Amino acid sequence: MLHCLMLTWSDERAGLLRNAAESESWRSTVNRDVQEYLRNLFRLRVPLTLIDLPCLKSNSYVGIQQAASHASELGSSQVIICGNDNHREEEIWARGLGVWAYLPGDRGPAGLEFVFGDARQALAKSAMTYVELEAYH
């Protein structure tokens, strides 16, 4: 199993994210505390990081957004940001960070499973040599 690190703002979302990851063969470390997430970001070497942003009016929004910036600055893993629906400025910010994927709004379990599966395939392709990649197509 591949290992991923996640930061979310609720227990319910943590369960949803963990189940979606596990269904696509990802072992997940889920954090609800920004400081704990940042410690794990430096301590664990994971190929995938997912940051689940709360609603814009949440007190924890800015802290989680800053944690997302730190994750993308490290560049040691693919970063996925789950953002808010219909918030163009947030999407522009996320894409400006160079994240691997930005998901606007709650896409539910099926959408999350698709993204985790796609991330696994992208990592497999990036690990292939040129010759292996040509044979893959």
Protein backbone atom coordinates (compact mmCIF):
# COMPACT_ATOMS: atom_id res chain seq x y z
CA MET A 1 0.00 0.00 0.00
CA LEU A 2 1.07 3.54 -0.70
CA HIS A 3 1.02 6.03 2.16
CA CYS A 4 -0.71 9.42 2.06
CA LEU A 5 -1.01 12.27 4.52
CA MET A 6 -4.24 14.20 4.96
CA LEU A 7 -5.36 17.32 6.78
CA THR A 8 -9.05 17.85 7.36
CA TRP A 9 -11.29 19.81 9.67
CA SER A 10 -13.90 17.26 10.80
CA ASP A 11 -14.17 13.69 12.00
CA GLU A 12 -16.87 12.98 9.43
CA ARG A 13 -14.66 14.19 6.57
CA ALA A 14 -11.71 12.27 8.03
CA GLY A 15 -13.70 9.04 7.82
CA LEU A 16 -14.86 9.77 4.29
CA LEU A 17 -11.33 10.57 3.12
CA ARG A 18 -9.80 7.55 4.89
CA ASN A 19 -12.38 5.17 3.37
CA ALA A 20 -11.89 6.57 -0.13
CA ALA A 21 -8.12 6.27 0.19
CA GLU A 22 -8.23 2.72 1.53
CA SER A 23 -10.57 1.61 -1.25
CA GLU A 24 -7.81 2.57 -3.70
CA SER A 25 -5.00 0.89 -1.72
CA TRP A 26 -3.71 3.94 0.14
CA ARG A 27 -2.74 3.77 3.80
CA SER A 28 -3.57 7.15 5.29
CA THR A 29 -2.45 9.27 8.19
CA VAL A 30 -5.24 11.74 8.85
CA ASN A 31 -4.64 14.88 10.91
CA ARG A 32 -7.16 17.35 12.19
CA ASP A 33 -4.58 19.59 13.84
CA VAL A 34 -2.45 21.84 11.60
CA GLN A 35 0.66 21.60 13.80
CA GLU A 36 0.47 17.81 13.92
CA TYR A 37 0.02 17.76 10.15
CA LEU A 38 3.08 19.97 9.62
CA ARG A 39 5.18 17.73 11.90
CA ASN A 40 4.05 14.69 9.91
CA LEU A 41 4.70 16.49 6.64
CA PHE A 42 8.38 16.81 7.60
CA ARG A 43 8.64 13.47 9.41
CA LEU A 44 6.90 11.19 6.91
CA ARG A 45 8.00 10.88 3.33
CA VAL A 46 4.71 10.30 1.53
CA PRO A 47 4.02 10.44 -2.20
CA LEU A 48 0.59 12.05 -1.75
CA THR A 49 -0.79 14.81 0.47
CA LEU A 50 -4.43 15.86 0.60
CA ILE A 51 -5.63 19.07 2.25
CA ASP A 52 -9.36 19.41 2.86
CA LEU A 53 -10.25 23.09 3.24
CA PRO A 54 -13.17 24.02 5.50
CA CYS A 55 -15.79 26.59 4.54
CA LEU A 56 -14.46 30.09 3.97
CA LYS A 57 -15.97 31.47 7.19
CA SER A 58 -14.33 28.84 9.39
CA ASN A 59 -11.79 29.99 11.99
CA SER A 60 -9.42 27.25 10.83
CA TYR A 61 -9.54 28.19 7.12
CA VAL A 62 -6.43 30.42 7.07
CA GLY A 63 -4.31 27.96 9.07
CA ILE A 64 -5.22 25.05 6.83
CA GLN A 65 -4.64 27.18 3.74
CA GLN A 66 -1.15 28.06 5.04
CA ALA A 67 -0.46 24.36 5.68
CA ALA A 68 -1.38 23.70 2.03
CA SER A 69 1.17 26.32 0.96
CA HIS A 70 3.86 24.60 3.04
CA ALA A 71 3.00 21.22 1.53
CA SER A 72 3.33 22.52 -2.01
CA GLU A 73 6.58 24.38 -1.22
CA LEU A 74 8.25 21.17 -0.08
CA GLY A 75 7.56 19.55 -3.42
CA SER A 76 8.18 16.08 -2.04
CA SER A 77 4.71 14.74 -2.84
CA GLN A 78 1.73 15.28 -5.07
CA VAL A 79 -0.70 17.69 -3.39
CA ILE A 80 -4.47 17.52 -3.72
CA ILE A 81 -6.63 20.32 -2.35
CA CYS A 82 -10.33 19.79 -1.69
CA GLY A 83 -11.79 23.28 -1.79
CA ASN A 84 -15.07 25.12 -1.72
CA ASP A 85 -17.62 25.01 -4.51
CA ASN A 86 -17.83 28.06 -6.80
CA HIS A 87 -14.83 29.87 -5.33
CA ARG A 88 -12.65 30.91 -8.27
CA GLU A 89 -10.11 32.82 -6.18
CA GLU A 90 -9.43 29.70 -4.12
CA GLU A 91 -8.94 27.60 -7.23
CA ILE A 92 -6.58 30.19 -8.74
CA TRP A 93 -4.62 30.25 -5.47
CA ALA A 94 -4.40 26.43 -5.39
CA ARG A 95 -3.36 26.12 -9.01
CA GLY A 96 -0.80 28.88 -8.45
CA LEU A 97 0.75 26.65 -5.79
CA GLY A 98 1.23 24.00 -8.46
CA VAL A 99 -0.96 21.39 -6.79
CA TRP A 100 -1.48 18.12 -8.60
CA ALA A 101 -5.27 18.39 -8.31
CA TYR A 102 -7.86 20.85 -7.05
CA LEU A 103 -11.32 19.51 -6.27
CA PRO A 104 -13.99 22.22 -5.97
CA GLY A 105 -16.75 21.27 -3.56
CA ASP A 106 -17.68 17.95 -2.04
CA ARG A 107 -17.56 15.25 -4.69
CA GLY A 108 -18.50 12.39 -2.34
CA PRO A 109 -16.90 8.96 -2.01
CA ALA A 110 -16.94 8.00 -5.71
CA GLY A 111 -15.17 11.19 -6.79
CA LEU A 112 -12.56 10.86 -4.06
CA GLU A 113 -11.94 7.22 -4.91
CA PHE A 114 -11.39 8.21 -8.54
CA VAL A 115 -8.80 10.82 -7.51
CA PHE A 116 -6.93 8.38 -5.26
CA GLY A 117 -6.90 5.81 -8.05
CA ASP A 118 -5.68 8.38 -10.54
CA ALA A 119 -2.94 9.50 -8.14
CA ARG A 120 -1.74 5.90 -7.76
CA GLN A 121 -1.55 5.51 -11.55
CA ALA A 122 0.27 8.83 -11.95
CA LEU A 123 2.86 7.79 -9.37
CA ALA A 124 3.35 4.45 -11.09
CA LYS A 125 3.91 6.17 -14.43
CA SER A 126 6.36 8.67 -12.93
CA ALA A 127 8.38 5.79 -11.48
CA MET A 128 8.70 4.05 -14.85
CA THR A 129 11.72 4.38 -17.07
CA TYR A 130 11.27 5.78 -20.56
CA VAL A 131 11.36 2.28 -22.08
CA GLU A 132 8.76 0.97 -19.63
CA LEU A 133 6.55 4.01 -20.25
CA GLU A 134 6.64 3.49 -24.03
CA ALA A 135 5.63 -0.15 -23.55
CA TYR A 136 2.80 0.98 -21.21
CA HIS A 137 1.09 3.02 -23.95
